[in-house]
N, C-alpha and C. Protein backbone atom coordinates (compact mmCIF):
# COMPACT_ATOMS: atom_id res chain seq x y z
N UNK A 1 0.83 -1.18 -0.02
CA UNK A 1 0.07 0.02 0.03
C UNK A 1 0.84 1.28 0.02
N UNK A 2 0.30 2.34 -0.49
CA UNK A 2 0.97 3.70 -0.47
C UNK A 2 0.01 4.62 0.24
N UNK A 3 0.53 5.32 1.27
CA UNK A 3 -0.23 6.32 2.03
C UNK A 3 0.25 7.73 1.55
N UNK A 4 -0.85 8.51 1.25
CA UNK A 4 -0.55 9.95 0.91
C UNK A 4 -1.35 10.78 1.85
N UNK A 5 -0.77 11.82 2.35
CA UNK A 5 -1.44 12.84 3.20
C UNK A 5 -1.27 14.17 2.49
N UNK A 6 -2.30 14.94 2.39
CA UNK A 6 -2.21 16.14 1.61
C UNK A 6 -3.18 17.20 2.11
N UNK A 7 -2.99 18.40 1.66
CA UNK A 7 -3.85 19.58 1.91
C UNK A 7 -4.75 19.76 0.70
N UNK A 8 -6.06 19.92 0.97
CA UNK A 8 -7.03 20.28 -0.10
C UNK A 8 -7.43 21.70 0.05
N UNK A 9 -7.28 22.54 -0.96
CA UNK A 9 -7.70 23.89 -0.91
C UNK A 9 -9.23 23.96 -0.92
N UNK A 10 -9.82 24.70 0.13
CA UNK A 10 -11.26 24.88 0.14
C UNK A 10 -11.53 26.32 0.43
N UNK A 11 -12.82 26.73 0.24
CA UNK A 11 -13.10 28.17 0.54
C UNK A 11 -12.86 28.57 1.96
N UNK A 12 -12.55 29.80 2.16
CA UNK A 12 -12.33 30.42 3.49
C UNK A 12 -13.62 30.39 4.29
N UNK A 13 -13.63 30.42 5.61
CA UNK A 13 -12.43 30.61 6.42
C UNK A 13 -11.59 29.40 6.71
N UNK A 14 -12.01 28.17 6.23
CA UNK A 14 -11.24 26.95 6.53
C UNK A 14 -9.97 26.97 5.74
N UNK A 15 -9.99 27.32 4.49
CA UNK A 15 -8.80 27.43 3.65
C UNK A 15 -8.14 26.13 3.19
N UNK A 16 -7.86 25.26 4.18
CA UNK A 16 -7.22 24.03 3.81
C UNK A 16 -7.93 22.81 4.68
N UNK A 17 -8.14 21.74 4.05
CA UNK A 17 -8.49 20.52 4.69
C UNK A 17 -7.27 19.55 4.71
N UNK A 18 -7.07 18.83 5.81
CA UNK A 18 -6.05 17.81 5.81
C UNK A 18 -6.73 16.47 5.50
N UNK A 19 -6.22 15.79 4.48
CA UNK A 19 -6.87 14.56 4.02
C UNK A 19 -5.84 13.45 3.84
N UNK A 20 -6.32 12.21 3.81
CA UNK A 20 -5.44 11.03 3.67
C UNK A 20 -6.03 10.12 2.62
N UNK A 21 -5.14 9.56 1.79
CA UNK A 21 -5.49 8.60 0.75
C UNK A 21 -4.61 7.43 0.85
N UNK A 22 -5.15 6.23 0.55
CA UNK A 22 -4.39 4.98 0.48
C UNK A 22 -4.56 4.34 -0.89
N UNK A 23 -3.49 4.00 -1.50
CA UNK A 23 -3.44 3.26 -2.82
C UNK A 23 -3.11 1.85 -2.58
N UNK A 24 -3.77 0.89 -3.19
CA UNK A 24 -3.30 -0.50 -3.11
C UNK A 24 -2.18 -0.70 -4.02
N UNK A 25 -1.75 -1.96 -4.17
CA UNK A 25 -0.52 -2.24 -4.96
C UNK A 25 -0.76 -2.11 -6.53
N UNK A 26 -2.05 -1.91 -6.94
CA UNK A 26 -2.40 -1.63 -8.26
C UNK A 26 -2.55 -0.10 -8.57
N UNK A 27 -2.34 0.69 -7.48
CA UNK A 27 -2.55 2.14 -7.53
C UNK A 27 -3.99 2.59 -7.55
N UNK A 28 -4.85 1.74 -7.06
CA UNK A 28 -6.28 2.08 -6.94
C UNK A 28 -6.59 2.69 -5.62
N UNK A 29 -7.30 3.87 -5.63
CA UNK A 29 -7.65 4.58 -4.42
C UNK A 29 -8.61 3.73 -3.58
N UNK A 30 -8.21 3.59 -2.26
CA UNK A 30 -8.99 2.77 -1.31
C UNK A 30 -9.94 3.62 -0.43
N UNK A 31 -9.78 4.87 -0.45
CA UNK A 31 -10.51 5.76 0.48
C UNK A 31 -11.37 6.79 -0.21
N UNK A 32 -11.99 6.36 -1.40
CA UNK A 32 -12.84 7.20 -2.06
C UNK A 32 -12.02 8.11 -3.03
N UNK A 33 -12.73 8.90 -3.85
CA UNK A 33 -12.03 9.72 -4.87
C UNK A 33 -11.16 10.86 -4.27
N UNK A 34 -11.53 11.31 -3.03
CA UNK A 34 -10.86 12.46 -2.49
C UNK A 34 -10.15 12.09 -1.12
N UNK A 35 -10.08 10.79 -0.88
CA UNK A 35 -9.52 10.35 0.49
C UNK A 35 -10.50 10.64 1.61
N UNK A 36 -9.98 10.45 2.83
CA UNK A 36 -10.82 10.77 4.01
C UNK A 36 -10.32 12.05 4.66
N UNK A 37 -11.25 12.73 5.31
CA UNK A 37 -10.95 13.94 5.99
C UNK A 37 -10.30 13.63 7.29
N UNK A 38 -9.08 14.14 7.46
CA UNK A 38 -8.35 14.04 8.72
C UNK A 38 -8.81 15.17 9.65
N UNK A 39 -8.76 16.38 9.14
CA UNK A 39 -9.17 17.50 9.91
C UNK A 39 -9.42 18.76 9.11
N UNK A 40 -10.50 19.43 9.50
CA UNK A 40 -10.79 20.82 8.92
C UNK A 40 -10.99 21.72 10.11
N UNK A 41 -10.54 21.39 11.34
CA UNK A 41 -10.67 22.13 12.52
C UNK A 41 -9.44 22.88 12.93
N UNK A 42 -8.22 22.60 12.23
CA UNK A 42 -7.10 23.38 12.51
C UNK A 42 -7.30 24.73 11.93
N UNK A 43 -7.02 25.82 12.63
CA UNK A 43 -7.17 27.16 12.13
C UNK A 43 -6.09 27.46 11.18
N UNK A 44 -6.44 27.51 9.91
CA UNK A 44 -5.40 27.60 8.87
C UNK A 44 -5.57 29.01 8.20
N UNK A 45 -4.36 29.70 7.97
CA UNK A 45 -4.36 30.86 7.20
C UNK A 45 -4.29 30.49 5.73
N UNK A 46 -3.87 31.34 4.84
CA UNK A 46 -3.82 31.09 3.42
C UNK A 46 -2.52 30.37 3.07
N UNK A 47 -1.74 29.90 4.02
CA UNK A 47 -0.48 29.19 3.79
C UNK A 47 -0.46 27.92 4.57
N UNK A 48 0.43 26.99 4.19
CA UNK A 48 0.65 25.85 4.96
C UNK A 48 2.10 25.78 5.50
N UNK A 49 2.41 24.95 6.48
CA UNK A 49 3.73 24.70 6.95
C UNK A 49 4.14 23.24 6.77
N UNK A 50 5.30 22.92 6.97
CA UNK A 50 5.85 21.53 6.76
C UNK A 50 4.98 20.58 7.60
N UNK A 51 4.58 19.49 6.95
CA UNK A 51 3.74 18.45 7.60
C UNK A 51 4.48 17.12 7.37
N UNK A 52 4.47 16.20 8.45
CA UNK A 52 5.24 14.97 8.38
C UNK A 52 4.25 13.78 8.69
N UNK A 53 4.62 12.62 8.06
CA UNK A 53 3.83 11.39 8.39
C UNK A 53 4.82 10.29 8.69
N UNK A 54 4.27 9.33 9.38
CA UNK A 54 5.05 8.08 9.71
C UNK A 54 4.00 6.91 9.71
N UNK A 55 4.41 5.68 9.54
CA UNK A 55 3.60 4.55 9.58
C UNK A 55 4.23 3.49 10.48
N UNK A 56 3.37 2.89 11.34
CA UNK A 56 3.99 1.89 12.24
C UNK A 56 3.85 0.42 11.74
N UNK A 57 4.25 -0.54 12.48
CA UNK A 57 4.29 -1.93 12.09
C UNK A 57 2.89 -2.45 11.88
N UNK A 58 1.87 -1.76 12.39
CA UNK A 58 0.44 -2.29 12.26
C UNK A 58 -0.30 -1.37 11.12
N UNK A 59 0.43 -0.69 10.38
CA UNK A 59 -0.10 0.14 9.32
C UNK A 59 -0.94 1.35 9.84
N UNK A 60 -0.67 1.74 11.09
CA UNK A 60 -1.31 2.97 11.54
C UNK A 60 -0.54 4.11 11.01
N UNK A 61 -1.21 5.22 10.78
CA UNK A 61 -0.62 6.40 10.14
C UNK A 61 -0.62 7.54 11.20
N UNK A 62 0.53 8.12 11.31
CA UNK A 62 0.78 9.24 12.28
C UNK A 62 1.08 10.48 11.41
N UNK A 63 0.38 11.63 11.81
CA UNK A 63 0.48 12.90 10.97
C UNK A 63 0.79 13.93 11.98
N UNK A 64 1.79 14.72 11.73
CA UNK A 64 2.17 15.96 12.42
C UNK A 64 1.93 17.18 11.50
N UNK A 65 1.11 18.11 11.96
CA UNK A 65 0.81 19.30 11.18
C UNK A 65 0.61 20.50 12.00
N UNK A 66 0.62 21.64 11.33
CA UNK A 66 0.53 22.94 12.04
C UNK A 66 -0.71 23.76 11.50
N UNK A 67 -1.47 24.22 12.41
CA UNK A 67 -2.51 25.25 12.03
C UNK A 67 -1.82 26.60 11.87
N UNK A 68 -1.66 27.09 10.66
CA UNK A 68 -0.87 28.24 10.45
C UNK A 68 -1.44 29.54 10.90
N UNK A 69 -2.77 29.61 11.20
CA UNK A 69 -3.35 30.78 11.87
C UNK A 69 -3.22 30.65 13.31
N UNK A 70 -2.04 30.98 13.88
CA UNK A 70 -1.69 30.87 15.26
C UNK A 70 -0.54 29.93 15.50
N UNK A 71 -0.13 29.17 14.50
CA UNK A 71 1.05 28.37 14.74
C UNK A 71 0.93 27.19 15.73
N UNK A 72 -0.31 26.56 15.80
CA UNK A 72 -0.64 25.52 16.75
C UNK A 72 -0.26 24.16 16.12
N UNK A 73 0.47 23.34 16.82
CA UNK A 73 0.82 21.99 16.29
C UNK A 73 -0.15 20.96 16.72
N UNK A 74 -0.37 19.98 15.82
CA UNK A 74 -1.34 18.93 16.05
C UNK A 74 -0.70 17.60 15.63
N UNK A 75 -1.11 16.52 16.32
CA UNK A 75 -0.68 15.22 16.00
C UNK A 75 -1.87 14.26 15.95
N UNK A 76 -1.91 13.47 14.87
CA UNK A 76 -3.07 12.57 14.60
C UNK A 76 -2.50 11.11 14.46
N UNK A 77 -3.37 10.12 14.80
CA UNK A 77 -3.05 8.77 14.55
C UNK A 77 -4.37 8.13 13.97
N UNK A 78 -4.19 7.55 12.87
CA UNK A 78 -5.35 6.89 12.11
C UNK A 78 -4.96 5.45 11.76
N UNK A 79 -5.95 4.56 11.62
CA UNK A 79 -5.68 3.29 11.12
C UNK A 79 -5.65 3.41 9.58
N UNK A 80 -5.34 2.30 8.89
CA UNK A 80 -5.13 2.32 7.39
C UNK A 80 -6.44 2.67 6.69
N UNK A 81 -7.60 2.49 7.34
CA UNK A 81 -8.90 2.76 6.75
C UNK A 81 -9.34 4.26 7.02
N UNK A 82 -8.46 4.98 7.73
CA UNK A 82 -8.80 6.41 7.91
C UNK A 82 -9.58 6.71 9.17
N UNK A 83 -9.65 5.61 10.08
CA UNK A 83 -10.36 5.95 11.37
C UNK A 83 -9.41 6.45 12.43
N UNK A 84 -9.91 7.51 13.10
CA UNK A 84 -9.04 8.12 14.17
C UNK A 84 -8.84 7.18 15.32
N UNK A 85 -7.58 7.00 15.79
CA UNK A 85 -7.28 6.19 16.94
C UNK A 85 -6.91 7.09 18.12
N UNK A 86 -6.65 8.31 17.88
CA UNK A 86 -6.46 9.34 19.00
C UNK A 86 -7.65 10.21 18.87
N UNK A 87 -7.68 11.37 19.63
CA UNK A 87 -8.75 12.30 19.55
C UNK A 87 -8.95 12.69 18.09
N UNK A 88 -10.23 12.76 17.68
CA UNK A 88 -10.51 13.04 16.29
C UNK A 88 -10.08 14.46 15.87
N UNK A 89 -9.93 15.29 16.89
CA UNK A 89 -9.43 16.69 16.64
C UNK A 89 -7.91 16.77 16.71
N UNK A 90 -7.27 15.55 16.94
CA UNK A 90 -5.80 15.54 17.10
C UNK A 90 -5.31 15.92 18.51
N UNK A 91 -4.10 15.63 18.81
CA UNK A 91 -3.47 16.11 20.06
C UNK A 91 -3.04 17.56 19.88
N UNK A 92 -3.51 18.46 20.59
CA UNK A 92 -3.11 19.86 20.52
C UNK A 92 -1.82 20.04 21.31
N UNK A 93 -0.77 20.44 20.61
CA UNK A 93 0.55 20.52 21.30
C UNK A 93 0.90 21.88 21.77
N UNK A 94 -0.06 22.88 21.47
CA UNK A 94 0.19 24.27 21.69
C UNK A 94 1.15 24.72 20.53
N UNK A 95 1.92 25.79 20.83
CA UNK A 95 2.76 26.34 19.79
C UNK A 95 3.61 25.20 19.17
N UNK A 96 3.53 25.05 17.86
CA UNK A 96 4.27 23.88 17.32
C UNK A 96 4.35 23.84 15.87
N UNK A 97 5.64 23.86 15.37
CA UNK A 97 5.92 23.65 13.98
C UNK A 97 6.80 22.40 13.83
N UNK A 98 6.92 21.91 12.54
CA UNK A 98 7.70 20.70 12.28
C UNK A 98 7.39 19.59 13.26
N UNK A 99 6.17 19.24 13.40
CA UNK A 99 5.72 18.18 14.40
C UNK A 99 6.23 16.80 13.76
N UNK A 100 7.08 16.21 14.49
CA UNK A 100 7.81 14.96 14.03
C UNK A 100 7.40 13.85 14.89
N UNK A 101 6.96 12.72 14.40
CA UNK A 101 6.43 11.61 15.21
C UNK A 101 7.30 10.35 14.84
N UNK A 102 7.62 9.59 15.97
CA UNK A 102 8.26 8.34 15.84
C UNK A 102 7.42 7.31 16.48
N UNK A 103 6.75 6.46 15.71
CA UNK A 103 6.02 5.26 16.35
C UNK A 103 7.05 4.26 16.87
N UNK A 104 6.86 3.89 18.07
CA UNK A 104 7.73 2.90 18.78
C UNK A 104 7.23 1.52 18.65
N UNK A 105 8.01 0.50 18.73
CA UNK A 105 7.68 -0.85 18.65
C UNK A 105 6.74 -1.32 19.79
N UNK A 106 6.73 -0.52 20.90
CA UNK A 106 5.87 -0.81 22.07
C UNK A 106 4.46 -0.38 21.75
N UNK A 107 4.15 0.30 20.70
CA UNK A 107 2.82 0.89 20.42
C UNK A 107 2.69 2.42 20.90
N UNK A 108 3.74 2.82 21.53
CA UNK A 108 3.76 4.22 22.03
C UNK A 108 4.30 5.04 20.85
N UNK A 109 4.39 6.36 21.12
CA UNK A 109 5.02 7.24 20.05
C UNK A 109 5.77 8.35 20.74
N UNK A 110 6.85 8.78 20.12
CA UNK A 110 7.57 9.94 20.50
C UNK A 110 7.19 11.14 19.65
N UNK A 111 6.87 12.22 20.18
CA UNK A 111 6.53 13.40 19.32
C UNK A 111 7.55 14.58 19.71
N UNK A 112 8.22 15.15 18.68
CA UNK A 112 9.02 16.28 18.87
C UNK A 112 8.50 17.37 18.00
N UNK A 113 8.57 18.67 18.54
CA UNK A 113 8.08 19.81 17.80
C UNK A 113 8.78 21.07 18.19
N UNK A 114 8.75 22.11 17.32
CA UNK A 114 9.35 23.37 17.55
C UNK A 114 8.30 24.24 18.18
N UNK A 115 8.54 24.57 19.48
CA UNK A 115 7.62 25.40 20.28
C UNK A 115 8.30 26.75 20.56
N UNK A 116 7.93 27.78 19.87
CA UNK A 116 8.51 29.11 20.03
C UNK A 116 9.98 29.04 19.97
N UNK A 117 10.47 28.33 18.89
CA UNK A 117 11.89 28.18 18.57
C UNK A 117 12.65 27.35 19.52
N UNK A 118 12.08 26.55 20.32
CA UNK A 118 12.82 25.52 21.10
C UNK A 118 12.15 24.18 20.78
N UNK A 119 12.91 23.06 20.89
CA UNK A 119 12.35 21.77 20.59
C UNK A 119 11.94 21.14 21.95
N UNK A 120 10.64 20.60 21.88
CA UNK A 120 10.11 19.86 22.98
C UNK A 120 9.84 18.41 22.53
N UNK A 121 9.98 17.46 23.45
CA UNK A 121 9.68 16.04 23.11
C UNK A 121 8.72 15.52 24.24
N UNK A 122 7.91 14.56 23.81
CA UNK A 122 7.00 13.91 24.79
C UNK A 122 6.64 12.51 24.23
N UNK A 123 6.49 11.63 25.13
CA UNK A 123 6.07 10.27 24.75
C UNK A 123 4.53 10.13 24.98
N UNK A 124 3.84 9.52 23.99
CA UNK A 124 2.43 9.24 24.15
C UNK A 124 2.12 7.79 24.13
N UNK A 125 1.03 7.40 24.93
CA UNK A 125 0.65 6.05 24.90
C UNK A 125 -0.04 5.71 23.58
N UNK A 126 -0.38 4.37 23.42
CA UNK A 126 -1.08 4.05 22.13
C UNK A 126 -2.38 4.72 21.97
N UNK A 127 -2.98 5.14 23.06
CA UNK A 127 -4.31 5.81 22.91
C UNK A 127 -4.21 7.37 23.04
N UNK A 128 -2.97 7.83 22.96
CA UNK A 128 -2.75 9.27 22.85
C UNK A 128 -2.66 10.09 24.08
N UNK A 129 -2.38 9.51 25.20
CA UNK A 129 -2.14 10.18 26.49
C UNK A 129 -0.66 10.43 26.81
N UNK A 130 -0.27 11.55 27.26
CA UNK A 130 1.14 11.81 27.63
C UNK A 130 1.70 10.75 28.66
N UNK A 131 2.86 10.29 28.48
CA UNK A 131 3.47 9.29 29.37
C UNK A 131 4.37 9.99 30.38
N UNK A 132 5.16 10.90 29.95
CA UNK A 132 6.04 11.64 30.86
C UNK A 132 5.29 12.73 31.61
N UNK A 133 5.74 13.02 32.80
CA UNK A 133 5.08 14.02 33.58
C UNK A 133 5.11 15.44 33.02
N UNK A 134 6.17 15.65 32.27
CA UNK A 134 6.35 17.00 31.56
C UNK A 134 7.04 16.82 30.31
N UNK A 135 6.76 17.73 29.29
CA UNK A 135 7.57 17.79 28.05
C UNK A 135 9.08 17.99 28.40
N UNK A 136 9.93 17.38 27.57
CA UNK A 136 11.38 17.54 27.80
C UNK A 136 11.87 18.51 26.77
N UNK A 137 12.63 19.53 27.25
CA UNK A 137 13.16 20.54 26.23
C UNK A 137 14.62 20.07 25.89
N UNK A 138 14.85 20.19 24.58
CA UNK A 138 16.14 19.74 24.07
C UNK A 138 17.16 20.85 24.18
N UNK A 139 18.39 20.48 24.60
CA UNK A 139 19.38 21.48 24.79
C UNK A 139 20.73 20.96 24.28
N UNK A 140 21.50 21.92 23.75
CA UNK A 140 22.93 21.64 23.35
C UNK A 140 23.82 22.52 24.18
N UNK A 141 23.20 23.21 25.24
CA UNK A 141 24.04 24.04 26.13
C UNK A 141 24.10 25.52 25.65
N UNK A 142 23.52 25.71 24.44
CA UNK A 142 23.52 27.13 23.90
C UNK A 142 22.01 27.59 23.91
N UNK A 143 21.86 28.92 23.84
CA UNK A 143 20.50 29.40 23.94
C UNK A 143 19.83 29.59 22.53
N UNK A 144 20.66 29.19 21.46
CA UNK A 144 20.06 29.24 20.16
C UNK A 144 18.73 28.56 19.97
N UNK A 145 17.95 28.96 18.99
CA UNK A 145 16.75 28.24 18.66
C UNK A 145 17.00 26.85 18.19
N UNK A 146 16.08 25.95 18.42
CA UNK A 146 16.28 24.47 18.03
C UNK A 146 14.94 24.01 17.37
N UNK A 147 15.08 23.08 16.48
CA UNK A 147 13.88 22.56 15.80
C UNK A 147 14.14 21.09 15.41
N UNK A 148 13.19 20.24 15.53
CA UNK A 148 13.42 18.81 15.30
C UNK A 148 13.72 18.49 13.79
N UNK A 149 14.61 17.48 13.63
CA UNK A 149 14.90 17.03 12.28
C UNK A 149 14.29 15.67 12.00
N UNK A 150 14.67 14.68 12.80
CA UNK A 150 14.13 13.32 12.70
C UNK A 150 14.43 12.56 13.97
N UNK A 151 13.66 11.36 14.10
CA UNK A 151 13.75 10.55 15.30
C UNK A 151 14.03 9.12 14.84
N UNK A 152 14.77 8.28 15.61
CA UNK A 152 15.09 7.00 15.32
C UNK A 152 15.05 6.14 16.56
N UNK A 153 14.45 5.00 16.46
CA UNK A 153 14.37 4.05 17.62
C UNK A 153 15.47 3.05 17.60
N UNK A 154 15.98 2.74 18.93
CA UNK A 154 16.93 1.69 19.12
C UNK A 154 16.21 0.43 19.67
N UNK A 155 16.85 -0.67 19.70
CA UNK A 155 16.25 -1.96 20.04
C UNK A 155 15.77 -1.96 21.43
N UNK A 156 16.40 -1.22 22.37
CA UNK A 156 15.95 -1.22 23.73
C UNK A 156 15.04 -0.05 24.17
N UNK A 157 14.36 0.45 23.21
CA UNK A 157 13.36 1.52 23.33
C UNK A 157 14.04 2.82 23.64
N UNK A 158 15.31 2.91 23.61
CA UNK A 158 15.98 4.27 23.53
C UNK A 158 15.80 4.81 22.22
N UNK A 159 15.91 6.11 22.10
CA UNK A 159 15.80 6.72 20.81
C UNK A 159 16.76 7.83 20.58
N UNK A 160 16.93 8.20 19.32
CA UNK A 160 17.87 9.32 18.86
C UNK A 160 17.07 10.41 18.31
N UNK A 161 17.32 11.59 18.68
CA UNK A 161 16.70 12.87 18.08
C UNK A 161 17.82 13.57 17.29
N UNK A 162 17.66 13.70 15.99
CA UNK A 162 18.45 14.70 15.22
C UNK A 162 17.71 16.01 15.18
N UNK A 163 18.44 17.04 15.60
CA UNK A 163 17.75 18.34 15.65
C UNK A 163 18.62 19.44 15.02
N UNK A 164 18.01 20.50 14.75
CA UNK A 164 18.68 21.71 14.16
C UNK A 164 18.98 22.65 15.26
N UNK A 165 20.16 23.21 15.25
CA UNK A 165 20.48 24.36 16.11
C UNK A 165 20.59 25.55 15.16
N UNK A 166 19.66 26.50 15.36
CA UNK A 166 19.42 27.62 14.46
C UNK A 166 20.51 28.71 14.66
N UNK A 167 21.26 29.09 13.54
CA UNK A 167 22.21 30.06 13.68
C UNK A 167 21.67 31.45 13.39
N UNK A 168 21.09 31.60 12.30
CA UNK A 168 20.36 32.90 11.93
C UNK A 168 19.29 32.61 10.88
N UNK A 169 18.12 33.39 10.99
CA UNK A 169 17.14 33.15 9.98
C UNK A 169 16.61 31.72 10.01
N UNK A 170 16.63 31.12 8.82
CA UNK A 170 16.29 29.66 8.65
C UNK A 170 17.49 28.74 8.72
N UNK A 171 18.72 29.34 8.82
CA UNK A 171 19.90 28.58 8.70
C UNK A 171 20.23 27.89 10.06
N UNK A 172 20.87 26.68 9.88
CA UNK A 172 21.03 25.85 11.07
C UNK A 172 22.19 24.85 10.83
N UNK A 173 22.52 24.16 11.89
CA UNK A 173 23.41 23.03 11.85
C UNK A 173 22.81 21.82 12.57
N UNK A 174 23.18 20.61 12.18
CA UNK A 174 22.52 19.41 12.71
C UNK A 174 23.29 18.81 13.85
N UNK A 175 22.49 18.49 14.87
CA UNK A 175 23.02 17.88 16.12
C UNK A 175 22.25 16.60 16.41
N UNK A 176 22.70 15.80 17.35
CA UNK A 176 21.95 14.63 17.76
C UNK A 176 22.14 14.40 19.28
N UNK A 177 21.08 13.79 19.89
CA UNK A 177 21.10 13.40 21.27
C UNK A 177 20.33 12.09 21.41
N UNK A 178 20.88 11.19 22.26
CA UNK A 178 20.29 9.91 22.56
C UNK A 178 19.53 10.00 23.93
N UNK A 179 18.35 9.37 23.93
CA UNK A 179 17.54 9.47 25.12
C UNK A 179 17.06 8.06 25.57
N UNK A 180 16.80 7.95 26.84
CA UNK A 180 16.28 6.69 27.33
C UNK A 180 14.77 6.70 27.26
N UNK A 181 14.10 5.64 27.62
CA UNK A 181 12.62 5.49 27.48
C UNK A 181 11.92 6.47 28.35
N UNK A 182 12.55 7.12 29.29
CA UNK A 182 11.95 8.19 30.13
C UNK A 182 12.17 9.59 29.67
N UNK A 183 12.90 9.69 28.58
CA UNK A 183 13.10 10.94 27.99
C UNK A 183 14.30 11.69 28.54
N UNK A 184 15.19 10.99 29.23
CA UNK A 184 16.41 11.58 29.76
C UNK A 184 17.58 11.35 28.86
N UNK A 185 18.37 12.49 28.63
CA UNK A 185 19.48 12.36 27.66
C UNK A 185 20.55 11.39 28.22
N UNK A 186 21.06 10.58 27.29
CA UNK A 186 22.04 9.54 27.64
C UNK A 186 23.48 10.07 27.44
N UNK A 187 23.69 10.99 26.58
CA UNK A 187 25.02 11.52 26.27
C UNK A 187 25.23 12.74 27.13
N UNK A 188 26.38 12.94 27.72
CA UNK A 188 26.70 14.08 28.50
C UNK A 188 26.49 15.42 27.73
N UNK A 189 26.83 15.33 26.44
CA UNK A 189 26.69 16.47 25.54
C UNK A 189 26.15 15.96 24.19
N UNK A 190 25.22 16.62 23.57
CA UNK A 190 24.78 16.24 22.26
C UNK A 190 25.95 16.28 21.27
N UNK A 191 25.81 15.62 20.15
CA UNK A 191 26.91 15.54 19.10
C UNK A 191 26.59 16.38 18.01
N UNK A 192 27.48 17.31 17.60
CA UNK A 192 27.27 18.02 16.38
C UNK A 192 27.59 17.08 15.19
N UNK A 193 26.62 16.99 14.24
CA UNK A 193 26.82 15.98 13.21
C UNK A 193 27.60 16.61 12.01
N UNK A 194 27.51 17.92 11.87
CA UNK A 194 28.09 18.53 10.71
C UNK A 194 28.28 20.08 11.02
N UNK A 195 29.27 20.69 10.27
CA UNK A 195 29.31 22.14 10.35
C UNK A 195 28.74 22.76 9.07
N UNK A 196 28.17 21.87 8.20
CA UNK A 196 27.54 22.40 6.95
C UNK A 196 26.23 23.01 7.28
N UNK A 197 25.84 24.09 6.64
CA UNK A 197 24.66 24.83 6.91
C UNK A 197 23.50 24.07 6.32
N UNK A 198 22.45 23.91 7.14
CA UNK A 198 21.18 23.34 6.65
C UNK A 198 20.01 24.41 6.99
N UNK A 199 18.83 24.11 6.65
CA UNK A 199 17.67 24.94 7.07
C UNK A 199 16.68 24.05 7.78
N UNK A 200 16.05 24.66 8.76
CA UNK A 200 15.20 23.93 9.71
C UNK A 200 13.76 23.78 9.20
N UNK A 201 13.36 24.52 8.25
CA UNK A 201 11.90 24.64 7.91
C UNK A 201 11.59 23.87 6.56
N UNK A 202 12.39 22.99 6.14
CA UNK A 202 12.07 22.03 5.05
C UNK A 202 12.48 20.63 5.41
N UNK A 203 12.03 19.70 4.69
CA UNK A 203 12.45 18.30 4.88
C UNK A 203 13.83 18.15 4.35
């Protein structure tokens, strides 16, 4: 199967609907001609921001998106048929751009997002409730802005976060930190992966 998540332009004040489509191995649409509606409740301006998807071992689909009228981050979990498995309005993360989700082999999920130019991470249960008592803020010891890049799971439910440290404007460098299942950093200091300039607001 192939999963596609996309924005559909609609009249204001909604402006954009978030929708999902699934193709079978013959390329035939499985969820109707226009896919299923994921959300039309995120307050959207006339622009979109980077949106990310992930799929777990059970073919559940995770979507991280931003309501651009206010910059509010949302996370959704749906089954392969388009049924919501978390709150149908999504998990409201508060201020949030580049919402990045890592489904874990345990059925839980790690979510990282850019909140007012700092990266927060939280673990959620399979039914969408926070596991840790508080969101964890990512640090490299400097006050620069930070934004998530990607997440990777290790075999012992530890995970790696690759993140951007913002130098100026949208320019950044890539760093990484390893965390245990409780969200505590395992390396004394994060590792700078490169001194090459990247940008934090694209894939």
